[in-house]
């Protein structure tokens, strides 16, 4: 603002710069001077038409990418009329039962130009099949579709617990989506390897980094075992990190993640394409840091966390709404969250220089320490898997190692809060304002659930039941053959209006269902 000329990046001659291996300072040379991060706001509630209206509101407000949240029944692969879904339909995201819901969800949106992220894991292959079938029915070829499928089943067993099938069967579905999209969908990111939920479950920043990258290495080995060249798929692997409240530690975490990924992909997995070395990631501010007490203070928390994501070099960003400790966000709260990103992008000047904290003694030392802690985790997992990260991670899940590490970290944090060794404003200190009136909240009602169930009944009544039964039979046959890619059969099956629950049940007939052994 004073008219001082700025270079695109600052640092000593001969030092590391953004866009250069190992990408500690950022994957691209000019970073946000060339293109701002994508402001990809996470949205989903009620029925598909409800969420479609929110999507259009966010796009009109300046959002430039969609990120879809699904409700708990959808995440668990059951239909809205399933008795287990009662009271949960549309509550924490949008309900999707059939391809017709997907058509309503993205109605009036050009799927060939807007990138779409879908936060779905156990049923990810089925929802992707619905997305492809709907797009093609509207004249958008699968080759034109751009976006990201979360599809990170390993972290479900470790942290979020939205799994259906046993780990090894679930990894077969991940393999099938990777190989299918590599051949058919060149603009699609087949996995968003997610540390976000690991952190939300209570891990430390160093554990989030280590467990996430270990999962990423496991997926690389999975795809290589399927016969794919690493450079054929690795450039379209993406990551999803948490932006928590410890400002400098978060920035160091992102920098260490890029450097570690680049080294492992080049040196261990033999990737030659520089795009395979470049870790690119989406960031979401920390839901677990939000408080029900004095919820307006969450606007401050979110702004600080979002700034850490930007200074750490994120490629896209979602900012949580201040009311999300109480309910799904209202329109006004979601708009404030988007405006927070726009203020950071256009008013603060932080986008003018790439990696402005690079060279800080504190940040550089913290980056080194986070990386070293991650490497100790990798060594343990390689030992567990007899030299295979894929086998080590799966065994770590099956033996409960990840789950125990996360629960211990969560317990330690909670003890510090309870003993007031860590202050959380409004929770264990600074209580003035806690008795203020609750803000206006978005309420998902029984009427919303009833509308979704009635919608599903109409689809069932109108479809050809013989076609559905035949498609599900063919799907079971393909599932029984471990060498058969399931994506073509899934696309055919969703086209008959088979429901998500019916398809998941058919797969469970072959794969079985997973029940976790509790760990103490």
Protein backbone atom coordinates (compact mmCIF):
# COMPACT_ATOMS: atom_id res chain seq x y z
CA UNK A 1 0.00 0.00 0.00
CA UNK A 2 3.05 2.24 0.35
CA UNK A 3 4.12 1.62 -3.22
CA UNK A 4 7.15 -0.49 -2.30
CA UNK A 5 8.00 -2.74 -5.27
CA UNK A 6 7.83 -6.46 -4.50
CA UNK A 7 9.52 -9.40 -6.15
CA UNK A 8 7.50 -12.51 -6.92
CA UNK A 9 9.57 -14.35 -4.33
CA UNK A 10 12.30 -13.37 -1.90
CA UNK A 11 15.36 -15.38 -0.91
CA UNK A 12 19.12 -15.67 -1.38
CA UNK A 13 20.63 -16.33 -4.79
CA UNK A 14 21.11 -20.04 -5.22
CA UNK A 15 18.53 -20.87 -2.55
CA UNK A 16 15.40 -22.95 -2.96
CA UNK A 17 12.48 -21.20 -4.65
CA UNK A 18 8.83 -22.09 -5.22
CA UNK A 19 8.26 -24.28 -8.24
CA UNK A 20 11.59 -26.07 -7.72
CA UNK A 21 12.20 -29.53 -6.26
CA UNK A 22 11.51 -30.40 -3.46
CA UNK A 23 8.76 -27.76 -3.51
CA UNK A 24 9.03 -26.83 0.16
CA UNK A 25 8.17 -23.26 -0.79
CA UNK A 26 5.29 -24.11 -3.10
CA UNK A 27 4.48 -26.19 -6.19
CA UNK A 28 4.44 -23.24 -8.60
CA UNK A 29 6.97 -20.48 -9.20
CA UNK A 30 4.71 -17.46 -8.90
CA UNK A 31 1.99 -19.04 -6.74
CA UNK A 32 -0.97 -16.67 -6.22
CA UNK A 33 0.45 -13.86 -8.35
CA UNK A 34 -0.58 -15.98 -11.36
CA UNK A 35 -3.77 -17.52 -10.01
CA UNK A 36 -5.48 -17.32 -6.65
CA UNK A 37 -6.42 -20.48 -4.82
CA UNK A 38 -9.83 -21.93 -5.69
CA UNK A 39 -12.46 -20.78 -3.21
CA UNK A 40 -14.23 -24.13 -2.99
CA UNK A 41 -17.00 -23.85 -0.39
CA UNK A 42 -18.27 -27.09 1.13
CA UNK A 43 -22.06 -27.32 0.99
CA UNK A 44 -24.78 -29.89 1.35
CA UNK A 45 -27.99 -30.25 3.36
CA UNK A 46 -31.52 -31.56 3.07
CA UNK A 47 -32.60 -32.68 -0.36
CA UNK A 48 -30.75 -32.26 -3.66
CA UNK A 49 -32.86 -29.23 -4.74
CA UNK A 50 -32.11 -27.54 -1.38
CA UNK A 51 -28.36 -27.93 -1.88
CA UNK A 52 -28.59 -26.98 -5.55
CA UNK A 53 -29.95 -23.59 -4.50
CA UNK A 54 -27.04 -23.14 -2.09
CA UNK A 55 -24.58 -24.05 -4.88
CA UNK A 56 -26.04 -21.36 -7.12
CA UNK A 57 -25.92 -18.82 -4.25
CA UNK A 58 -22.23 -19.56 -3.64
CA UNK A 59 -21.37 -19.30 -7.34
CA UNK A 60 -23.18 -15.94 -7.57
CA UNK A 61 -21.26 -14.76 -4.47
CA UNK A 62 -17.93 -15.42 -6.19
CA UNK A 63 -17.17 -19.06 -5.38
CA UNK A 64 -15.44 -20.81 -8.26
CA UNK A 65 -15.68 -24.50 -7.36
CA UNK A 66 -18.21 -26.82 -5.74
CA UNK A 67 -17.60 -29.17 -2.82
CA UNK A 68 -20.40 -31.53 -1.92
CA UNK A 69 -21.19 -32.74 1.61
CA UNK A 70 -23.36 -35.86 1.86
CA UNK A 71 -25.59 -36.89 4.75
CA UNK A 72 -24.78 -39.79 7.06
CA UNK A 73 -26.99 -42.40 5.36
CA UNK A 74 -25.34 -41.63 2.01
CA UNK A 75 -21.87 -41.76 3.57
CA UNK A 76 -22.71 -45.15 5.09
CA UNK A 77 -24.20 -46.49 1.84
CA UNK A 78 -27.82 -46.85 2.97
CA UNK A 79 -31.00 -45.44 1.46
CA UNK A 80 -33.11 -42.67 2.96
CA UNK A 81 -36.00 -45.09 3.61
CA UNK A 82 -33.80 -47.55 5.48
CA UNK A 83 -34.88 -47.78 9.17
CA UNK A 84 -31.27 -46.98 10.19
CA UNK A 85 -31.53 -43.64 8.37
CA UNK A 86 -34.42 -42.35 10.47
CA UNK A 87 -33.64 -38.92 11.84
CA UNK A 88 -30.40 -38.55 9.86
CA UNK A 89 -31.64 -37.83 6.33
CA UNK A 90 -30.24 -34.52 5.10
CA UNK A 91 -28.91 -33.59 8.53
CA UNK A 92 -25.15 -33.33 8.00
CA UNK A 93 -25.19 -33.07 4.21
CA UNK A 94 -27.33 -33.76 1.17
CA UNK A 95 -29.23 -37.03 0.73
CA UNK A 96 -28.42 -38.97 -2.46
CA UNK A 97 -30.22 -42.23 -3.16
CA UNK A 98 -30.27 -42.49 -6.97
CA UNK A 99 -28.86 -40.89 -10.09
CA UNK A 100 -32.00 -38.73 -10.19
CA UNK A 101 -30.85 -37.01 -6.98
CA UNK A 102 -27.50 -36.29 -8.62
CA UNK A 103 -29.35 -34.73 -11.57
CA UNK A 104 -31.24 -32.45 -9.18
CA UNK A 105 -28.10 -31.67 -7.18
CA UNK A 106 -26.21 -30.21 -10.16
CA UNK A 107 -29.16 -28.88 -12.17
CA UNK A 108 -28.32 -25.69 -14.06
CA UNK A 109 -24.57 -26.06 -13.43
CA UNK A 110 -22.17 -26.63 -16.33
CA UNK A 111 -20.28 -29.69 -15.17
CA UNK A 112 -17.89 -29.31 -18.09
CA UNK A 113 -16.56 -26.00 -16.74
CA UNK A 114 -17.11 -26.06 -12.96
CA UNK A 115 -14.90 -28.44 -10.99
CA UNK A 116 -16.71 -30.51 -8.40
CA UNK A 117 -15.35 -32.13 -5.26
CA UNK A 118 -17.32 -34.91 -3.54
CA UNK A 119 -16.54 -35.86 0.05
CA UNK A 120 -17.52 -39.52 -0.04
CA UNK A 121 -15.51 -42.63 0.74
CA UNK A 122 -17.02 -46.10 1.26
CA UNK A 123 -19.61 -45.58 -1.54
CA UNK A 124 -17.26 -43.33 -3.56
CA UNK A 125 -17.19 -45.56 -6.65
CA UNK A 126 -21.01 -45.69 -6.71
CA UNK A 127 -21.43 -41.92 -6.36
CA UNK A 128 -18.78 -41.35 -9.04
CA UNK A 129 -20.75 -43.69 -11.32
CA UNK A 130 -23.88 -41.60 -10.67
CA UNK A 131 -21.98 -38.39 -11.40
CA UNK A 132 -20.64 -39.76 -14.70
CA UNK A 133 -24.00 -41.21 -15.77
CA UNK A 134 -25.79 -37.93 -15.03
CA UNK A 135 -23.19 -35.81 -16.83
CA UNK A 136 -23.32 -38.00 -19.93
CA UNK A 137 -27.13 -37.89 -19.91
CA UNK A 138 -26.77 -34.09 -20.12
CA UNK A 139 -24.24 -34.19 -22.95
CA UNK A 140 -21.04 -33.76 -20.92
CA UNK A 141 -18.56 -36.51 -21.72
CA UNK A 142 -16.59 -38.12 -18.92
CA UNK A 143 -13.36 -36.82 -20.45
CA UNK A 144 -14.54 -33.23 -19.82
CA UNK A 145 -15.39 -33.72 -16.17
CA UNK A 146 -13.06 -32.02 -13.72
CA UNK A 147 -13.04 -32.43 -9.99
CA UNK A 148 -12.07 -34.64 -7.09
CA UNK A 149 -13.45 -37.74 -5.44
CA UNK A 150 -12.29 -38.06 -1.84
CA UNK A 151 -12.25 -41.87 -2.07
CA UNK A 152 -9.75 -42.15 0.82
CA UNK A 153 -10.96 -45.27 2.58
CA UNK A 154 -7.84 -45.79 4.70
CA UNK A 155 -8.48 -42.74 6.85
CA UNK A 156 -12.04 -43.97 7.44
CA UNK A 157 -10.72 -46.96 9.37
CA UNK A 158 -8.17 -44.75 11.10
CA UNK A 159 -10.36 -41.82 12.09
CA UNK A 160 -13.78 -41.09 10.63
CA UNK A 161 -15.30 -44.62 10.83
CA UNK A 162 -17.57 -44.37 7.77
CA UNK A 163 -16.56 -47.73 6.34
CA UNK A 164 -18.71 -50.58 5.00
CA UNK A 165 -16.50 -53.33 3.58
CA UNK A 166 -13.30 -54.87 5.01
CA UNK A 167 -10.12 -52.89 4.25
CA UNK A 168 -8.72 -55.10 1.51
CA UNK A 169 -12.04 -55.26 -0.38
CA UNK A 170 -12.40 -51.49 -0.06
CA UNK A 171 -8.93 -51.01 -1.51
CA UNK A 172 -10.06 -53.00 -4.56
CA UNK A 173 -12.72 -50.32 -5.20
CA UNK A 174 -10.10 -47.58 -4.83
CA UNK A 175 -7.89 -49.43 -7.32
CA UNK A 176 -10.78 -49.67 -9.79
CA UNK A 177 -11.55 -45.95 -9.63
CA UNK A 178 -7.88 -45.05 -10.12
CA UNK A 179 -7.46 -47.30 -13.16
CA UNK A 180 -10.80 -46.26 -14.67
CA UNK A 181 -10.22 -42.53 -14.29
CA UNK A 182 -6.63 -42.79 -15.53
CA UNK A 183 -7.99 -44.26 -18.77
CA UNK A 184 -11.30 -42.39 -19.11
CA UNK A 185 -11.26 -39.14 -17.08
CA UNK A 186 -8.00 -37.24 -17.56
CA UNK A 187 -9.22 -34.14 -15.67
CA UNK A 188 -10.42 -36.05 -12.61
CA UNK A 189 -8.53 -36.39 -9.33
CA UNK A 190 -9.25 -39.93 -8.22
CA UNK A 191 -8.33 -39.61 -4.54
CA UNK A 192 -8.17 -36.69 -2.15
CA UNK A 193 -5.88 -38.19 0.46
CA UNK A 194 -7.26 -36.69 3.60
CA UNK A 195 -5.57 -35.64 6.79
CA UNK A 196 -8.52 -33.45 7.66
CA UNK A 197 -10.54 -36.14 9.40
CA UNK A 198 -7.47 -37.58 11.09
CA UNK A 199 -6.91 -34.17 12.68
CA UNK A 200 -10.58 -33.72 13.53
CA UNK A 201 -10.45 -37.06 15.37
CA UNK A 202 -7.74 -35.64 17.63
CA UNK A 203 -4.33 -36.24 16.07
CA UNK A 204 -1.46 -33.80 16.33
CA UNK A 205 -0.28 -31.85 13.28
CA UNK A 206 2.74 -34.14 12.92
CA UNK A 207 0.53 -37.23 13.07
CA UNK A 208 -1.86 -35.72 10.52
CA UNK A 209 1.04 -35.19 8.12
CA UNK A 210 2.59 -38.61 8.74
CA UNK A 211 -0.59 -40.70 8.55
CA UNK A 212 -1.84 -38.82 5.48
CA UNK A 213 1.36 -39.21 3.49
CA UNK A 214 1.67 -42.85 4.55
CA UNK A 215 -1.81 -43.43 3.15
CA UNK A 216 -0.74 -41.64 -0.02
CA UNK A 217 2.28 -43.89 -0.41
CA UNK A 218 0.02 -46.91 0.14
CA UNK A 219 -2.26 -45.79 -2.70
CA UNK A 220 0.77 -45.31 -4.96
CA UNK A 221 1.82 -48.90 -4.25
CA UNK A 222 -1.76 -50.10 -4.81
CA UNK A 223 -1.90 -48.52 -8.27
CA UNK A 224 1.57 -49.73 -9.20
CA UNK A 225 0.58 -53.26 -8.19
CA UNK A 226 -2.36 -52.90 -10.59
CA UNK A 227 0.12 -52.34 -13.42
CA UNK A 228 -0.05 -48.55 -13.71
CA UNK A 229 3.06 -46.47 -14.24
CA UNK A 230 3.44 -44.02 -11.37
CA UNK A 231 3.53 -41.01 -13.70
CA UNK A 232 0.24 -42.11 -15.29
CA UNK A 233 -1.74 -41.47 -12.09
CA UNK A 234 0.36 -39.63 -9.50
CA UNK A 235 -0.08 -36.15 -11.05
CA UNK A 236 -3.80 -36.40 -10.28
CA UNK A 237 -3.50 -37.49 -6.68
CA UNK A 238 -4.48 -34.62 -4.42
CA UNK A 239 -4.44 -34.02 -0.69
CA UNK A 240 -6.81 -32.51 1.86
CA UNK A 241 -5.39 -30.98 5.03
CA UNK A 242 -6.79 -29.36 8.12
CA UNK A 243 -5.98 -25.73 8.95
CA UNK A 244 -5.95 -25.72 12.74
CA UNK A 245 -5.44 -22.83 15.12
CA UNK A 246 -1.70 -23.24 15.90
CA UNK A 247 -0.71 -20.80 13.16
CA UNK A 248 2.99 -21.46 12.53
CA UNK A 249 2.78 -25.22 13.11
CA UNK A 250 0.16 -25.47 10.37
CA UNK A 251 2.32 -23.53 7.89
CA UNK A 252 5.29 -25.77 8.71
CA UNK A 253 3.11 -28.85 8.22
CA UNK A 254 2.20 -27.88 4.66
CA UNK A 255 5.79 -27.06 3.75
CA UNK A 256 7.06 -30.35 5.20
CA UNK A 257 4.31 -32.27 3.36
CA UNK A 258 5.41 -30.96 -0.03
CA UNK A 259 9.07 -31.70 0.58
CA UNK A 260 8.46 -35.20 1.93
CA UNK A 261 6.10 -36.20 -0.89
CA UNK A 262 8.49 -34.95 -3.57
CA UNK A 263 11.42 -36.89 -2.14
CA UNK A 264 9.52 -40.17 -1.71
CA UNK A 265 7.86 -40.04 -5.14
CA UNK A 266 11.16 -39.34 -6.90
CA UNK A 267 13.54 -41.47 -4.90
CA UNK A 268 11.44 -44.41 -3.68
CA UNK A 269 8.78 -44.73 -6.40
CA UNK A 270 10.81 -43.55 -9.38
CA UNK A 271 8.44 -40.84 -10.59
CA UNK A 272 10.03 -38.78 -13.37
CA UNK A 273 7.21 -36.36 -14.19
CA UNK A 274 7.64 -33.23 -12.06
CA UNK A 275 3.85 -33.12 -11.64
CA UNK A 276 4.11 -36.40 -9.74
CA UNK A 277 6.55 -34.73 -7.33
CA UNK A 278 4.32 -31.71 -6.71
CA UNK A 279 1.98 -32.23 -3.78
CA UNK A 280 -1.14 -30.15 -4.32
CA UNK A 281 -3.76 -29.84 -1.63
CA UNK A 282 -7.11 -28.48 -0.53
CA UNK A 283 -7.45 -26.98 2.92
CA UNK A 284 -10.43 -26.67 5.23
CA UNK A 285 -10.38 -24.70 8.44
CA UNK A 286 -10.73 -26.79 11.60
CA UNK A 287 -14.27 -27.71 12.50
CA UNK A 288 -13.07 -29.11 15.81
CA UNK A 289 -11.68 -25.71 16.80
CA UNK A 290 -15.11 -24.06 16.60
CA UNK A 291 -17.04 -23.48 19.81
CA UNK A 292 -20.73 -23.39 20.61
CA UNK A 293 -19.92 -20.72 23.19
CA UNK A 294 -19.72 -17.20 21.72
CA UNK A 295 -20.00 -18.57 18.15
CA UNK A 296 -19.20 -15.19 16.55
CA UNK A 297 -15.63 -15.61 17.83
CA UNK A 298 -15.37 -18.51 15.37
CA UNK A 299 -15.14 -15.92 12.58
CA UNK A 300 -11.79 -14.87 14.06
CA UNK A 301 -10.59 -18.45 14.42
CA UNK A 302 -11.55 -19.26 10.84
CA UNK A 303 -9.78 -16.18 9.46
CA UNK A 304 -6.53 -17.07 11.25
CA UNK A 305 -6.73 -20.70 10.12
CA UNK A 306 -7.49 -19.70 6.53
CA UNK A 307 -4.52 -17.34 6.54
CA UNK A 308 -2.28 -20.22 7.65
CA UNK A 309 -3.54 -22.28 4.72
CA UNK A 310 -2.77 -19.48 2.28
CA UNK A 311 0.68 -18.76 3.72
CA UNK A 312 1.31 -22.50 3.57
CA UNK A 313 0.53 -22.54 -0.16
CA UNK A 314 -2.84 -24.27 -0.49
CA UNK A 315 -4.39 -24.75 -3.95
CA UNK A 316 -8.00 -24.51 -2.77
CA UNK A 317 -9.68 -23.53 0.45
CA UNK A 318 -12.94 -23.94 2.34
CA UNK A 319 -13.66 -21.68 5.28
CA UNK A 320 -16.04 -22.98 7.94
CA UNK A 321 -19.03 -20.92 8.97
CA UNK A 322 -19.19 -19.50 12.47
CA UNK A 323 -22.39 -21.37 13.39
CA UNK A 324 -21.19 -24.88 12.48
CA UNK A 325 -20.63 -25.97 16.10
CA UNK A 326 -24.40 -25.65 16.43
CA UNK A 327 -25.87 -26.60 13.05
CA UNK A 328 -25.28 -26.64 9.32
CA UNK A 329 -24.51 -23.10 8.16
CA UNK A 330 -27.16 -20.58 7.21
CA UNK A 331 -26.88 -18.68 3.93
CA UNK A 332 -25.57 -15.59 5.75
CA UNK A 333 -22.97 -17.55 7.72
CA UNK A 334 -21.73 -19.30 4.56
CA UNK A 335 -21.43 -15.94 2.82
CA UNK A 336 -19.33 -14.51 5.68
CA UNK A 337 -17.07 -17.56 5.44
CA UNK A 338 -16.56 -16.95 1.71
CA UNK A 339 -16.02 -13.22 2.29
CA UNK A 340 -13.26 -14.15 4.76
CA UNK A 341 -11.32 -15.76 1.91
CA UNK A 342 -11.99 -12.80 -0.36
CA UNK A 343 -10.63 -10.36 2.23
CA UNK A 344 -7.47 -12.45 2.59
CA UNK A 345 -7.09 -12.67 -1.19
CA UNK A 346 -7.79 -9.07 -2.14
CA UNK A 347 -7.12 -6.85 0.89
CA UNK A 348 -4.21 -8.26 2.93
CA UNK A 349 -1.48 -8.38 0.27
CA UNK A 350 -0.39 -11.89 1.30
CA UNK A 351 -0.94 -13.20 -2.23
CA UNK A 352 1.62 -10.80 -3.71
CA UNK A 353 4.70 -12.83 -2.76
CA UNK A 354 5.20 -16.60 -2.88
CA UNK A 355 6.05 -18.24 0.47
CA UNK A 356 6.55 -14.96 2.37
CA UNK A 357 7.58 -16.83 5.54
CA UNK A 358 10.31 -18.83 3.79
CA UNK A 359 13.65 -18.25 5.48
CA UNK A 360 12.14 -17.55 8.89
CA UNK A 361 14.39 -19.35 11.38
CA UNK A 362 11.37 -20.45 13.37
CA UNK A 363 9.32 -21.68 10.40
CA UNK A 364 12.27 -23.48 8.81
CA UNK A 365 13.18 -25.27 12.05
CA UNK A 366 9.54 -26.21 12.67
CA UNK A 367 9.27 -27.55 9.12
CA UNK A 368 12.31 -29.75 9.70
CA UNK A 369 10.94 -31.08 13.00
CA UNK A 370 7.50 -31.95 11.60
CA UNK A 371 9.19 -33.77 8.71
CA UNK A 372 11.47 -35.73 11.08
CA UNK A 373 8.52 -36.89 13.18
CA UNK A 374 6.74 -38.06 10.03
CA UNK A 375 9.77 -40.04 8.91
CA UNK A 376 9.80 -41.94 12.22
CA UNK A 377 6.19 -42.99 11.57
CA UNK A 378 7.08 -44.14 8.04
CA UNK A 379 9.90 -46.27 9.43
CA UNK A 380 7.50 -47.98 11.84
CA UNK A 381 4.96 -48.71 9.09
CA UNK A 382 7.57 -50.05 6.70
CA UNK A 383 8.75 -52.39 9.44
CA UNK A 384 5.17 -53.46 10.10
CA UNK A 385 4.67 -54.19 6.40
CA UNK A 386 8.03 -55.91 5.85
CA UNK A 387 9.12 -53.15 3.49
CA UNK A 388 5.69 -52.44 1.94
CA UNK A 389 3.94 -49.22 2.93
CA UNK A 390 0.66 -50.60 1.54
CA UNK A 391 0.83 -53.68 3.72
CA UNK A 392 2.12 -51.69 6.69
CA UNK A 393 -0.77 -49.24 6.59
CA UNK A 394 -3.39 -52.00 6.21
CA UNK A 395 -1.85 -53.95 9.08
CA UNK A 396 -1.73 -50.75 11.14
CA UNK A 397 -5.48 -50.41 10.58
CA UNK A 398 -6.26 -54.05 11.28
CA UNK A 399 -4.18 -54.04 14.47
CA UNK A 400 -5.60 -50.73 15.69
CA UNK A 401 -2.27 -48.88 15.77
CA UNK A 402 -3.50 -45.72 14.02
CA UNK A 403 -6.66 -45.63 16.11
CA UNK A 404 -4.71 -45.91 19.34
CA UNK A 405 -2.23 -43.18 18.38
CA UNK A 406 -5.05 -40.76 17.50
CA UNK A 407 -7.10 -41.51 20.62
CA UNK A 408 -4.04 -41.00 22.85
CA UNK A 409 -3.34 -37.61 21.25
CA UNK A 410 -7.00 -36.56 21.59
CA UNK A 411 -7.03 -37.56 25.25
CA UNK A 412 -3.82 -35.62 25.93
CA UNK A 413 -5.28 -32.48 24.32
CA UNK A 414 -8.50 -32.78 26.32
CA UNK A 415 -6.56 -33.11 29.57
CA UNK A 416 -4.66 -29.92 28.79
CA UNK A 417 -7.90 -28.04 28.15
CA UNK A 418 -9.54 -29.41 31.31
CA UNK A 419 -6.50 -28.42 33.39
CA UNK A 420 -6.46 -24.96 31.74
CA UNK A 421 -2.95 -25.54 30.41
CA UNK A 422 -4.47 -24.61 27.05
CA UNK A 423 -7.02 -21.78 26.98
CA UNK A 424 -10.00 -22.00 24.63
CA UNK A 425 -11.88 -18.70 24.66
CA UNK A 426 -15.40 -19.11 26.00
CA UNK A 427 -14.82 -22.75 26.97
CA UNK A 428 -12.44 -22.64 29.94
CA UNK A 429 -11.88 -18.88 30.28
CA UNK A 430 -13.29 -15.51 29.15
CA UNK A 431 -16.93 -16.51 29.69
CA UNK A 432 -18.57 -13.10 29.29
CA UNK A 433 -20.99 -13.42 26.38
CA UNK A 434 -21.67 -17.13 26.82
CA UNK A 435 -25.25 -16.38 27.83
CA UNK A 436 -26.03 -14.46 24.61
CA UNK A 437 -28.99 -15.54 22.51
CA UNK A 438 -28.35 -18.37 20.09
CA UNK A 439 -27.94 -17.13 16.51
CA UNK A 440 -30.50 -18.00 13.86
CA UNK A 441 -29.74 -21.56 12.75
CA UNK A 442 -30.52 -23.73 9.77
CA UNK A 443 -32.89 -26.51 10.84
CA UNK A 444 -33.40 -29.72 8.88
CA UNK A 445 -36.90 -30.95 9.69
CA UNK A 446 -38.88 -34.16 9.48
CA UNK A 447 -40.64 -32.61 6.49
CA UNK A 448 -37.31 -32.51 4.63
CA UNK A 449 -36.77 -36.18 5.41
CA UNK A 450 -40.31 -37.02 4.31
CA UNK A 451 -39.78 -35.23 0.97
CA UNK A 452 -36.64 -37.25 0.30
CA UNK A 453 -38.29 -40.56 1.17
CA UNK A 454 -41.27 -39.72 -1.06
CA UNK A 455 -38.89 -38.80 -3.88
CA UNK A 456 -37.18 -42.17 -3.54
CA UNK A 457 -40.55 -43.97 -3.59
CA UNK A 458 -41.49 -42.24 -6.86
CA UNK A 459 -38.21 -43.31 -8.48
CA UNK A 460 -38.70 -46.89 -7.35
CA UNK A 461 -42.25 -46.92 -8.72
CA UNK A 462 -41.22 -45.59 -12.13
CA UNK A 463 -38.20 -47.78 -12.84
CA UNK A 464 -37.99 -51.14 -14.61
CA UNK A 465 -37.48 -53.63 -11.78
CA UNK A 466 -36.28 -56.38 -14.10
CA UNK A 467 -33.52 -54.13 -15.43
CA UNK A 468 -32.49 -53.26 -11.89
CA UNK A 469 -32.35 -56.91 -10.82
CA UNK A 470 -30.37 -57.93 -13.91
CA UNK A 471 -27.86 -55.10 -13.39
CA UNK A 472 -27.35 -56.00 -9.73
CA UNK A 473 -26.77 -59.63 -10.68
CA UNK A 474 -24.13 -58.62 -13.23
CA UNK A 475 -22.51 -56.40 -10.60
CA UNK A 476 -22.24 -59.32 -8.17
CA UNK A 477 -20.64 -61.45 -10.88
CA UNK A 478 -18.06 -58.75 -11.62
CA UNK A 479 -17.40 -58.21 -7.90
CA UNK A 480 -16.61 -61.91 -7.54
CA UNK A 481 -13.80 -61.57 -10.10
CA UNK A 482 -10.94 -59.63 -8.45
CA UNK A 483 -9.42 -58.83 -11.84
CA UNK A 484 -12.57 -57.14 -13.17
CA UNK A 485 -12.85 -53.35 -12.95
CA UNK A 486 -16.21 -52.54 -11.35
CA UNK A 487 -16.68 -49.00 -12.69
CA UNK A 488 -18.35 -49.96 -16.03
CA UNK A 489 -20.82 -52.23 -14.22
CA UNK A 490 -21.52 -49.52 -11.62
CA UNK A 491 -22.26 -46.93 -14.32
CA UNK A 492 -24.65 -49.36 -16.02
CA UNK A 493 -26.31 -50.22 -12.70
CA UNK A 494 -26.95 -46.65 -11.56
CA UNK A 495 -28.46 -45.99 -14.99
CA UNK A 496 -31.29 -48.41 -14.16
CA UNK A 497 -32.16 -46.27 -11.09
CA UNK A 498 -30.81 -48.88 -8.71
CA UNK A 499 -30.39 -47.18 -5.35
CA UNK A 500 -27.19 -46.57 -3.45
CA UNK A 501 -28.27 -48.98 -0.73
CA UNK A 502 -29.16 -51.73 -3.19
CA UNK A 503 -25.79 -51.43 -4.91
CA UNK A 504 -23.85 -51.44 -1.64
CA UNK A 505 -25.80 -54.47 -0.45
CA UNK A 506 -24.97 -56.29 -3.69
CA UNK A 507 -21.28 -55.57 -3.20
CA UNK A 508 -21.49 -56.63 0.44
CA UNK A 509 -22.81 -60.00 -0.72
CA UNK A 510 -19.34 -60.55 -2.21
CA UNK A 511 -17.10 -58.44 0.01
CA UNK A 512 -18.71 -58.86 3.42
CA UNK A 513 -19.07 -56.08 6.00
CA UNK A 514 -16.42 -54.80 8.39
CA UNK A 515 -16.83 -54.57 12.15
CA UNK A 516 -14.01 -52.81 13.95
CA UNK A 517 -12.42 -54.37 17.00
CA UNK A 518 -12.50 -51.68 19.73
CA UNK A 519 -9.11 -50.59 21.08
CA UNK A 520 -8.44 -49.48 24.62
